[in-house]
Amino acid sequence: MAAGAAAALAFLNQESRARAGGFGGLRVPAPVTMDSFFFGCELSGHTRSFTFKVEEEDDTEHVLALNMLCLTEGAKDECNVVEVVARDHDNQEIAVPVANLRLSCQPMLSVDDFQLQPPVTFRLKSGSGPVRITGRHQIVCINNDLSEEESDDESEEDGIKLCGILPAKKHRGRP
């Protein structure tokens, strides 16, 4: 029974080292939390552009995931071209048309979780709208501060009482 307890304690010690920063040369990723918030804006003849930007924070990544662009009440039967202005892989500003909406043939467009990194500007390039843009603002936070969690885990590990494993009872006459 003492050998089993020693093996269990060795395992727990390895687990706490792995959570604290790695074991055997391997790094365990820090805990990640993700929040998701509804996003929406409207472009029209009065408001021809909208810029989505966030404050720079340490250990957070922001993603704007677009779901739908649609003409709303009061739209005329004209071409409404919406373009997105964002940064490419070389950090250069790039403008790309993402929708051409017309009330009589295509009043809405599903873009199925089209992901963009802020800052992002939406422009109503032609037409008078109104065009509604909807999606989700996702915030991913990597928490590198494990001191509070680790201290709680370590205090629990120090107070662990290990129970011995009893062998299974053999029943006579059963295989």
N, C-alpha and C. Protein backbone atom coordinates (compact mmCIF):
# COMPACT_ATOMS: atom_id res chain seq x y z
N MET A 1 0.82 -1.18 0.00
CA MET A 1 0.00 0.00 0.00
C MET A 1 0.87 1.25 0.00
N ALA A 2 2.00 1.22 0.60
CA ALA A 2 2.90 2.37 0.64
C ALA A 2 3.43 2.68 -0.75
N ALA A 3 3.69 1.63 -1.57
CA ALA A 3 4.18 1.86 -2.93
C ALA A 3 3.12 2.55 -3.77
N GLY A 4 1.86 2.19 -3.58
CA GLY A 4 0.76 2.83 -4.32
C GLY A 4 0.62 4.29 -3.94
N ALA A 5 0.76 4.60 -2.66
CA ALA A 5 0.66 5.98 -2.20
C ALA A 5 1.81 6.81 -2.76
N ALA A 6 3.00 6.25 -2.78
CA ALA A 6 4.16 6.96 -3.31
C ALA A 6 3.99 7.23 -4.80
N ALA A 7 3.45 6.25 -5.54
CA ALA A 7 3.22 6.44 -6.97
C ALA A 7 2.17 7.53 -7.21
N ALA A 8 1.12 7.54 -6.39
CA ALA A 8 0.08 8.56 -6.54
C ALA A 8 0.63 9.95 -6.24
N LEU A 9 1.45 10.08 -5.20
CA LEU A 9 2.05 11.38 -4.87
C LEU A 9 3.01 11.83 -5.97
N ALA A 10 3.77 10.89 -6.55
CA ALA A 10 4.67 11.24 -7.64
C ALA A 10 3.88 11.75 -8.84
N PHE A 11 2.75 11.11 -9.12
CA PHE A 11 1.90 11.54 -10.22
C PHE A 11 1.36 12.95 -9.96
N LEU A 12 0.86 13.20 -8.75
CA LEU A 12 0.34 14.52 -8.41
C LEU A 12 1.44 15.58 -8.52
N ASN A 13 2.65 15.26 -8.10
CA ASN A 13 3.76 16.20 -8.19
C ASN A 13 4.05 16.51 -9.66
N GLN A 14 4.02 15.50 -10.53
CA GLN A 14 4.24 15.73 -11.96
C GLN A 14 3.14 16.61 -12.53
N GLU A 15 1.90 16.37 -12.11
CA GLU A 15 0.78 17.17 -12.60
C GLU A 15 0.93 18.62 -12.20
N SER A 16 1.32 18.91 -10.96
CA SER A 16 1.45 20.30 -10.53
C SER A 16 2.60 20.98 -11.25
N ARG A 17 3.69 20.24 -11.53
CA ARG A 17 4.79 20.84 -12.30
C ARG A 17 4.35 21.12 -13.72
N ALA A 18 3.54 20.26 -14.30
CA ALA A 18 3.07 20.46 -15.67
C ALA A 18 2.19 21.70 -15.74
N ARG A 19 1.32 21.89 -14.77
CA ARG A 19 0.47 23.08 -14.77
C ARG A 19 1.28 24.34 -14.50
N ALA A 20 2.32 24.25 -13.72
CA ALA A 20 3.10 25.42 -13.35
C ALA A 20 4.04 25.87 -14.45
N GLY A 21 4.24 25.11 -15.49
CA GLY A 21 5.12 25.61 -16.53
C GLY A 21 5.76 24.54 -17.36
N GLY A 22 5.34 23.32 -17.21
CA GLY A 22 5.86 22.30 -18.09
C GLY A 22 6.46 21.14 -17.34
N PHE A 23 6.59 20.05 -18.05
CA PHE A 23 7.18 18.85 -17.47
C PHE A 23 7.90 18.12 -18.59
N GLY A 24 9.10 17.75 -18.33
CA GLY A 24 9.87 16.99 -19.31
C GLY A 24 10.13 17.79 -20.58
N GLY A 25 10.27 19.11 -20.45
CA GLY A 25 10.55 19.95 -21.60
C GLY A 25 9.30 20.37 -22.37
N LEU A 26 8.13 19.88 -21.97
CA LEU A 26 6.89 20.26 -22.65
C LEU A 26 6.20 21.38 -21.90
N ARG A 27 5.71 22.36 -22.63
CA ARG A 27 4.97 23.46 -22.02
C ARG A 27 3.48 23.18 -22.16
N VAL A 28 2.77 23.38 -21.09
CA VAL A 28 1.32 23.22 -21.10
C VAL A 28 0.73 24.59 -21.36
N PRO A 29 -0.21 24.71 -22.32
CA PRO A 29 -0.77 26.02 -22.61
C PRO A 29 -1.50 26.60 -21.41
N ALA A 30 -1.43 27.92 -21.30
CA ALA A 30 -2.11 28.61 -20.21
C ALA A 30 -3.62 28.52 -20.43
N PRO A 31 -4.39 28.65 -19.35
CA PRO A 31 -5.84 28.61 -19.49
C PRO A 31 -6.33 29.73 -20.40
N VAL A 32 -7.31 29.40 -21.23
CA VAL A 32 -7.86 30.35 -22.19
C VAL A 32 -9.32 30.57 -21.87
N THR A 33 -9.74 31.83 -21.83
CA THR A 33 -11.15 32.15 -21.67
C THR A 33 -11.62 32.87 -22.92
N MET A 34 -12.87 32.64 -23.29
CA MET A 34 -13.40 33.27 -24.49
C MET A 34 -14.77 33.85 -24.19
N ASP A 35 -14.94 35.12 -24.53
CA ASP A 35 -16.23 35.78 -24.39
C ASP A 35 -16.72 36.13 -25.78
N SER A 36 -18.01 36.13 -25.97
CA SER A 36 -18.61 36.44 -27.26
C SER A 36 -19.76 37.41 -27.04
N PHE A 37 -19.76 38.50 -27.79
CA PHE A 37 -20.78 39.53 -27.66
C PHE A 37 -21.41 39.79 -29.02
N PHE A 38 -22.69 40.12 -29.03
CA PHE A 38 -23.40 40.43 -30.25
C PHE A 38 -22.85 41.73 -30.83
N PHE A 39 -22.70 41.78 -32.15
CA PHE A 39 -22.24 42.98 -32.84
C PHE A 39 -23.25 43.35 -33.91
N GLY A 40 -23.46 44.64 -34.08
CA GLY A 40 -24.33 45.11 -35.14
C GLY A 40 -24.06 46.57 -35.45
N CYS A 41 -24.17 46.94 -36.72
CA CYS A 41 -24.07 48.34 -37.13
C CYS A 41 -24.92 48.53 -38.37
N GLU A 42 -25.23 49.79 -38.67
CA GLU A 42 -26.06 50.08 -39.83
C GLU A 42 -25.39 51.16 -40.66
N LEU A 43 -25.32 50.91 -41.97
CA LEU A 43 -24.78 51.88 -42.92
C LEU A 43 -25.94 52.45 -43.73
N SER A 44 -25.90 53.75 -43.97
CA SER A 44 -26.98 54.39 -44.74
C SER A 44 -26.42 55.62 -45.44
N GLY A 45 -27.30 56.37 -46.08
CA GLY A 45 -26.89 57.61 -46.72
C GLY A 45 -26.35 58.62 -45.72
N HIS A 46 -26.82 58.55 -44.47
CA HIS A 46 -26.36 59.47 -43.42
C HIS A 46 -25.08 58.98 -42.76
N THR A 47 -24.95 57.69 -42.59
CA THR A 47 -23.76 57.08 -41.97
C THR A 47 -23.16 56.12 -42.98
N ARG A 48 -22.23 56.59 -43.76
CA ARG A 48 -21.68 55.80 -44.87
C ARG A 48 -20.57 54.86 -44.42
N SER A 49 -20.01 55.05 -43.22
CA SER A 49 -18.96 54.13 -42.76
C SER A 49 -19.07 53.93 -41.25
N PHE A 50 -18.54 52.81 -40.82
CA PHE A 50 -18.48 52.47 -39.39
C PHE A 50 -17.17 51.74 -39.15
N THR A 51 -16.43 52.19 -38.13
CA THR A 51 -15.16 51.54 -37.80
C THR A 51 -15.29 50.80 -36.47
N PHE A 52 -14.95 49.52 -36.51
CA PHE A 52 -14.93 48.69 -35.30
C PHE A 52 -13.48 48.60 -34.85
N LYS A 53 -13.20 49.17 -33.68
CA LYS A 53 -11.85 49.08 -33.14
C LYS A 53 -11.93 48.78 -31.65
N VAL A 54 -10.85 48.24 -31.13
CA VAL A 54 -10.78 47.86 -29.72
C VAL A 54 -9.54 48.46 -29.10
N GLU A 55 -9.55 48.56 -27.78
CA GLU A 55 -8.36 49.01 -27.06
C GLU A 55 -7.37 47.86 -27.00
N GLU A 56 -6.11 48.18 -27.19
CA GLU A 56 -5.08 47.15 -27.12
C GLU A 56 -4.89 46.74 -25.66
N GLU A 57 -4.99 45.46 -25.40
CA GLU A 57 -4.79 44.91 -24.06
C GLU A 57 -3.80 43.76 -24.14
N ASP A 58 -3.08 43.53 -23.06
CA ASP A 58 -2.16 42.40 -23.02
C ASP A 58 -2.95 41.11 -22.92
N ASP A 59 -2.45 40.08 -23.58
CA ASP A 59 -2.99 38.73 -23.49
C ASP A 59 -4.43 38.59 -23.96
N THR A 60 -4.92 39.51 -24.81
CA THR A 60 -6.25 39.33 -25.37
C THR A 60 -6.17 39.45 -26.89
N GLU A 61 -7.01 38.69 -27.54
CA GLU A 61 -7.11 38.76 -28.99
C GLU A 61 -8.58 38.96 -29.33
N HIS A 62 -8.85 39.93 -30.19
CA HIS A 62 -10.21 40.26 -30.57
C HIS A 62 -10.46 39.78 -32.01
N VAL A 63 -11.62 39.21 -32.23
CA VAL A 63 -12.02 38.75 -33.56
C VAL A 63 -13.45 39.22 -33.78
N LEU A 64 -13.70 39.78 -34.96
CA LEU A 64 -15.05 40.14 -35.35
C LEU A 64 -15.50 39.11 -36.37
N ALA A 65 -16.51 38.32 -36.01
CA ALA A 65 -17.01 37.26 -36.88
C ALA A 65 -18.36 37.71 -37.44
N LEU A 66 -18.37 38.05 -38.73
CA LEU A 66 -19.60 38.52 -39.37
C LEU A 66 -20.51 37.36 -39.71
N ASN A 67 -21.83 37.59 -39.56
CA ASN A 67 -22.81 36.57 -39.91
C ASN A 67 -23.65 36.97 -41.11
N MET A 68 -24.15 38.21 -41.11
CA MET A 68 -25.11 38.58 -42.15
C MET A 68 -25.06 40.07 -42.47
N LEU A 69 -25.30 40.37 -43.74
CA LEU A 69 -25.51 41.74 -44.20
C LEU A 69 -26.89 41.74 -44.85
N CYS A 70 -27.74 42.71 -44.50
CA CYS A 70 -29.08 42.73 -45.09
C CYS A 70 -29.60 44.15 -45.22
N LEU A 71 -30.43 44.34 -46.23
CA LEU A 71 -31.12 45.61 -46.41
C LEU A 71 -32.25 45.67 -45.39
N THR A 72 -32.49 46.84 -44.83
CA THR A 72 -33.55 46.97 -43.84
C THR A 72 -34.65 47.87 -44.38
N GLU A 73 -35.63 48.12 -43.55
CA GLU A 73 -36.80 48.91 -43.95
C GLU A 73 -36.39 50.27 -44.48
N GLY A 74 -36.97 50.65 -45.59
CA GLY A 74 -36.67 51.94 -46.20
C GLY A 74 -35.66 51.86 -47.33
N ALA A 75 -35.15 50.66 -47.63
CA ALA A 75 -34.16 50.50 -48.69
C ALA A 75 -34.82 50.65 -50.05
N LYS A 76 -34.10 51.24 -50.97
CA LYS A 76 -34.58 51.40 -52.35
C LYS A 76 -34.07 50.22 -53.18
N ASP A 77 -34.69 50.02 -54.34
CA ASP A 77 -34.25 48.95 -55.23
C ASP A 77 -33.07 49.45 -56.07
N GLU A 78 -31.91 49.49 -55.43
CA GLU A 78 -30.67 49.95 -56.06
C GLU A 78 -29.53 49.07 -55.57
N CYS A 79 -28.41 49.11 -56.25
CA CYS A 79 -27.23 48.34 -55.80
C CYS A 79 -26.62 49.02 -54.58
N ASN A 80 -26.46 48.26 -53.52
CA ASN A 80 -25.81 48.71 -52.29
C ASN A 80 -24.57 47.87 -52.11
N VAL A 81 -23.41 48.47 -52.39
CA VAL A 81 -22.15 47.75 -52.29
C VAL A 81 -21.50 48.09 -50.95
N VAL A 82 -21.20 47.04 -50.18
CA VAL A 82 -20.53 47.21 -48.89
C VAL A 82 -19.12 46.69 -49.03
N GLU A 83 -18.15 47.50 -48.60
CA GLU A 83 -16.76 47.05 -48.63
C GLU A 83 -16.19 47.07 -47.22
N VAL A 84 -15.22 46.21 -47.02
CA VAL A 84 -14.52 46.10 -45.74
C VAL A 84 -13.10 46.60 -45.95
N VAL A 85 -12.67 47.47 -45.04
CA VAL A 85 -11.30 47.97 -45.06
C VAL A 85 -10.62 47.40 -43.81
N ALA A 86 -9.57 46.61 -44.03
CA ALA A 86 -8.86 45.97 -42.93
C ALA A 86 -7.38 45.87 -43.28
N ARG A 87 -6.63 45.14 -42.49
CA ARG A 87 -5.20 44.95 -42.72
C ARG A 87 -4.96 43.54 -43.25
N ASP A 88 -4.02 43.43 -44.20
CA ASP A 88 -3.67 42.11 -44.73
C ASP A 88 -2.49 41.53 -43.94
N HIS A 89 -1.93 40.41 -44.42
CA HIS A 89 -0.85 39.73 -43.71
C HIS A 89 0.43 40.56 -43.62
N ASP A 90 0.60 41.56 -44.52
CA ASP A 90 1.76 42.46 -44.48
C ASP A 90 1.45 43.74 -43.71
N ASN A 91 0.32 43.77 -43.00
CA ASN A 91 -0.13 44.92 -42.23
C ASN A 91 -0.42 46.14 -43.12
N GLN A 92 -0.76 45.87 -44.37
CA GLN A 92 -1.13 46.94 -45.31
C GLN A 92 -2.65 47.04 -45.36
N GLU A 93 -3.16 48.26 -45.44
CA GLU A 93 -4.60 48.46 -45.53
C GLU A 93 -5.11 47.97 -46.88
N ILE A 94 -6.21 47.23 -46.84
CA ILE A 94 -6.79 46.68 -48.06
C ILE A 94 -8.31 46.84 -47.99
N ALA A 95 -8.91 47.25 -49.11
CA ALA A 95 -10.36 47.41 -49.18
C ALA A 95 -10.92 46.36 -50.12
N VAL A 96 -11.92 45.62 -49.65
CA VAL A 96 -12.50 44.53 -50.43
C VAL A 96 -14.02 44.62 -50.37
N PRO A 97 -14.70 44.64 -51.53
CA PRO A 97 -16.16 44.59 -51.48
C PRO A 97 -16.62 43.20 -51.05
N VAL A 98 -17.54 43.15 -50.09
CA VAL A 98 -18.00 41.86 -49.57
C VAL A 98 -19.46 41.57 -49.89
N ALA A 99 -20.21 42.60 -50.29
CA ALA A 99 -21.62 42.38 -50.60
C ALA A 99 -22.12 43.39 -51.62
N ASN A 100 -22.99 42.92 -52.51
CA ASN A 100 -23.72 43.77 -53.44
C ASN A 100 -25.19 43.40 -53.28
N LEU A 101 -25.90 44.20 -52.50
CA LEU A 101 -27.28 43.89 -52.15
C LEU A 101 -28.25 44.73 -52.98
N ARG A 102 -29.33 44.10 -53.41
CA ARG A 102 -30.39 44.79 -54.15
C ARG A 102 -31.72 44.23 -53.65
N LEU A 103 -32.65 45.12 -53.35
CA LEU A 103 -33.91 44.73 -52.74
C LEU A 103 -34.68 43.71 -53.57
N SER A 104 -34.66 43.84 -54.91
CA SER A 104 -35.47 42.96 -55.76
C SER A 104 -34.84 41.59 -56.01
N CYS A 105 -33.53 41.44 -55.83
CA CYS A 105 -32.94 40.13 -56.14
C CYS A 105 -32.10 39.52 -55.02
N GLN A 106 -31.40 40.31 -54.24
CA GLN A 106 -30.61 39.76 -53.13
C GLN A 106 -30.63 40.75 -51.97
N PRO A 107 -31.69 40.70 -51.15
CA PRO A 107 -31.80 41.66 -50.05
C PRO A 107 -30.94 41.33 -48.84
N MET A 108 -30.39 40.11 -48.80
CA MET A 108 -29.53 39.74 -47.67
C MET A 108 -28.47 38.75 -48.12
N LEU A 109 -27.38 38.72 -47.34
CA LEU A 109 -26.27 37.83 -47.66
C LEU A 109 -25.74 37.24 -46.36
N SER A 110 -25.69 35.92 -46.28
CA SER A 110 -25.08 35.25 -45.14
C SER A 110 -23.62 35.01 -45.46
N VAL A 111 -22.74 35.48 -44.57
CA VAL A 111 -21.30 35.32 -44.80
C VAL A 111 -20.69 34.27 -43.89
N ASP A 112 -21.54 33.58 -43.11
CA ASP A 112 -21.15 32.38 -42.37
C ASP A 112 -19.86 32.52 -41.58
N ASP A 113 -19.87 33.39 -40.56
CA ASP A 113 -18.75 33.48 -39.62
C ASP A 113 -17.46 33.99 -40.28
N PHE A 114 -17.58 34.99 -41.12
CA PHE A 114 -16.44 35.62 -41.80
C PHE A 114 -15.64 36.39 -40.74
N GLN A 115 -14.40 35.95 -40.45
CA GLN A 115 -13.64 36.49 -39.33
C GLN A 115 -12.65 37.56 -39.77
N LEU A 116 -12.64 38.66 -38.99
CA LEU A 116 -11.76 39.80 -39.25
C LEU A 116 -11.08 40.23 -37.97
N GLN A 117 -9.85 40.74 -38.10
CA GLN A 117 -9.11 41.28 -36.97
C GLN A 117 -9.31 42.79 -36.92
N PRO A 118 -9.73 43.35 -35.78
CA PRO A 118 -9.88 44.79 -35.68
C PRO A 118 -8.52 45.50 -35.79
N PRO A 119 -8.50 46.73 -36.21
CA PRO A 119 -9.62 47.58 -36.58
C PRO A 119 -10.14 47.25 -37.97
N VAL A 120 -11.47 47.36 -38.13
CA VAL A 120 -12.16 47.07 -39.39
C VAL A 120 -13.12 48.22 -39.67
N THR A 121 -13.10 48.69 -40.90
CA THR A 121 -14.04 49.74 -41.31
C THR A 121 -14.97 49.18 -42.37
N PHE A 122 -16.27 49.40 -42.18
CA PHE A 122 -17.28 49.02 -43.16
C PHE A 122 -17.71 50.29 -43.88
N ARG A 123 -17.76 50.24 -45.20
CA ARG A 123 -18.16 51.41 -45.99
C ARG A 123 -19.29 51.04 -46.93
N LEU A 124 -20.26 51.92 -47.03
CA LEU A 124 -21.30 51.79 -48.03
C LEU A 124 -20.77 52.50 -49.26
N LYS A 125 -20.19 51.74 -50.18
CA LYS A 125 -19.48 52.29 -51.34
C LYS A 125 -20.45 52.88 -52.35
N SER A 126 -21.60 52.22 -52.56
CA SER A 126 -22.63 52.77 -53.44
C SER A 126 -23.99 52.40 -52.89
N GLY A 127 -25.00 53.16 -53.27
CA GLY A 127 -26.34 52.95 -52.76
C GLY A 127 -26.58 53.81 -51.53
N SER A 128 -27.84 53.80 -51.09
CA SER A 128 -28.20 54.63 -49.93
C SER A 128 -28.61 53.80 -48.72
N GLY A 129 -28.63 52.46 -48.87
CA GLY A 129 -28.96 51.61 -47.73
C GLY A 129 -30.41 51.75 -47.32
N PRO A 130 -30.74 51.55 -46.09
CA PRO A 130 -29.86 51.14 -45.00
C PRO A 130 -29.50 49.65 -45.07
N VAL A 131 -28.24 49.37 -44.73
CA VAL A 131 -27.70 48.01 -44.69
C VAL A 131 -27.32 47.70 -43.25
N ARG A 132 -27.84 46.60 -42.75
CA ARG A 132 -27.52 46.17 -41.38
C ARG A 132 -26.48 45.07 -41.46
N ILE A 133 -25.42 45.20 -40.63
CA ILE A 133 -24.34 44.21 -40.56
C ILE A 133 -24.38 43.60 -39.17
N THR A 134 -24.44 42.27 -39.08
CA THR A 134 -24.50 41.61 -37.77
C THR A 134 -23.40 40.56 -37.65
N GLY A 135 -23.04 40.27 -36.42
CA GLY A 135 -22.02 39.26 -36.16
C GLY A 135 -21.75 39.13 -34.67
N ARG A 136 -20.56 38.63 -34.36
CA ARG A 136 -20.14 38.42 -32.97
C ARG A 136 -18.75 39.03 -32.76
N HIS A 137 -18.58 39.70 -31.63
CA HIS A 137 -17.27 40.18 -31.20
C HIS A 137 -16.75 39.15 -30.21
N GLN A 138 -15.69 38.46 -30.59
CA GLN A 138 -15.12 37.41 -29.73
C GLN A 138 -13.83 37.93 -29.10
N ILE A 139 -13.70 37.73 -27.79
CA ILE A 139 -12.50 38.12 -27.07
C ILE A 139 -11.88 36.87 -26.47
N VAL A 140 -10.66 36.58 -26.88
CA VAL A 140 -9.93 35.43 -26.37
C VAL A 140 -8.85 35.95 -25.43
N CYS A 141 -8.86 35.46 -24.20
CA CYS A 141 -7.89 35.91 -23.19
C CYS A 141 -7.07 34.72 -22.73
N ILE A 142 -5.75 34.87 -22.83
CA ILE A 142 -4.84 33.84 -22.34
C ILE A 142 -4.36 34.28 -20.98
N ASN A 143 -4.71 33.52 -19.96
CA ASN A 143 -4.39 33.89 -18.59
C ASN A 143 -3.09 33.23 -18.18
N ASN A 144 -2.03 34.01 -18.14
CA ASN A 144 -0.72 33.49 -17.73
C ASN A 144 -0.50 33.60 -16.23
N ASP A 145 -1.40 34.23 -15.50
CA ASP A 145 -1.25 34.40 -14.06
C ASP A 145 -1.95 33.26 -13.35
N LEU A 146 -1.21 32.20 -13.08
CA LEU A 146 -1.78 31.02 -12.43
C LEU A 146 -1.53 31.00 -10.93
N SER A 147 -0.96 32.07 -10.38
CA SER A 147 -0.54 32.05 -8.99
C SER A 147 -1.69 31.74 -8.05
N GLU A 148 -2.87 32.32 -8.26
CA GLU A 148 -4.00 32.08 -7.39
C GLU A 148 -4.51 30.66 -7.54
N GLU A 149 -4.67 30.20 -8.79
CA GLU A 149 -5.15 28.84 -9.03
C GLU A 149 -4.15 27.82 -8.50
N GLU A 150 -2.87 28.04 -8.76
CA GLU A 150 -1.85 27.10 -8.33
C GLU A 150 -1.81 27.00 -6.81
N SER A 151 -1.93 28.15 -6.11
CA SER A 151 -1.87 28.09 -4.66
C SER A 151 -3.06 27.31 -4.12
N ASP A 152 -4.24 27.46 -4.75
CA ASP A 152 -5.40 26.67 -4.33
C ASP A 152 -5.17 25.20 -4.58
N ASP A 153 -4.64 24.85 -5.77
CA ASP A 153 -4.40 23.46 -6.12
C ASP A 153 -3.35 22.84 -5.21
N GLU A 154 -2.28 23.59 -4.92
CA GLU A 154 -1.22 23.04 -4.07
C GLU A 154 -1.72 22.79 -2.67
N SER A 155 -2.56 23.70 -2.13
CA SER A 155 -3.06 23.49 -0.78
C SER A 155 -3.97 22.26 -0.74
N GLU A 156 -4.73 22.03 -1.82
CA GLU A 156 -5.57 20.84 -1.87
C GLU A 156 -4.70 19.59 -1.95
N GLU A 157 -3.63 19.64 -2.76
CA GLU A 157 -2.77 18.47 -2.92
C GLU A 157 -2.06 18.12 -1.62
N ASP A 158 -1.67 19.13 -0.84
CA ASP A 158 -0.98 18.88 0.42
C ASP A 158 -1.89 18.17 1.41
N GLY A 159 -3.19 18.44 1.35
CA GLY A 159 -4.12 17.85 2.30
C GLY A 159 -4.81 16.60 1.78
N ILE A 160 -4.32 16.01 0.70
CA ILE A 160 -4.96 14.83 0.12
C ILE A 160 -4.69 13.61 0.99
N LYS A 161 -5.77 12.87 1.23
CA LYS A 161 -5.64 11.61 1.95
C LYS A 161 -5.89 10.52 0.94
N LEU A 162 -4.94 9.66 0.76
CA LEU A 162 -5.06 8.59 -0.21
C LEU A 162 -5.68 7.37 0.44
N CYS A 163 -6.63 6.82 -0.26
CA CYS A 163 -7.27 5.60 0.22
C CYS A 163 -6.62 4.41 -0.47
N GLY A 164 -6.43 3.37 0.24
CA GLY A 164 -5.85 2.17 -0.34
C GLY A 164 -6.84 1.50 -1.29
N ILE A 165 -6.33 0.84 -2.28
CA ILE A 165 -7.17 0.12 -3.22
C ILE A 165 -7.26 -1.32 -2.75
N LEU A 166 -8.49 -1.75 -2.54
CA LEU A 166 -8.70 -3.11 -2.06
C LEU A 166 -8.85 -4.04 -3.25
N PRO A 167 -8.32 -5.27 -3.13
CA PRO A 167 -8.46 -6.21 -4.23
C PRO A 167 -9.92 -6.66 -4.35
N ALA A 168 -10.32 -7.03 -5.56
CA ALA A 168 -11.69 -7.49 -5.81
C ALA A 168 -11.91 -8.81 -5.10
N LYS A 169 -13.12 -9.00 -4.61
CA LYS A 169 -13.45 -10.26 -3.95
C LYS A 169 -13.70 -11.31 -5.01
N LYS A 170 -13.16 -12.49 -4.74
CA LYS A 170 -13.37 -13.60 -5.66
C LYS A 170 -14.59 -14.38 -5.19
N HIS A 171 -15.45 -14.66 -6.13
CA HIS A 171 -16.64 -15.43 -5.82
C HIS A 171 -16.43 -16.84 -6.31
N ARG A 172 -16.66 -17.79 -5.44
CA ARG A 172 -16.47 -19.19 -5.82
C ARG A 172 -17.63 -19.64 -6.68
N GLY A 173 -17.31 -20.38 -7.67
CA GLY A 173 -18.32 -20.95 -8.55
C GLY A 173 -18.64 -20.05 -9.76
N ARG A 174 -18.13 -18.83 -9.77
CA ARG A 174 -18.32 -17.93 -10.91
C ARG A 174 -17.00 -17.79 -11.65
N PRO A 175 -17.06 -17.71 -12.96
CA PRO A 175 -15.82 -17.59 -13.72
C PRO A 175 -15.20 -16.22 -13.58
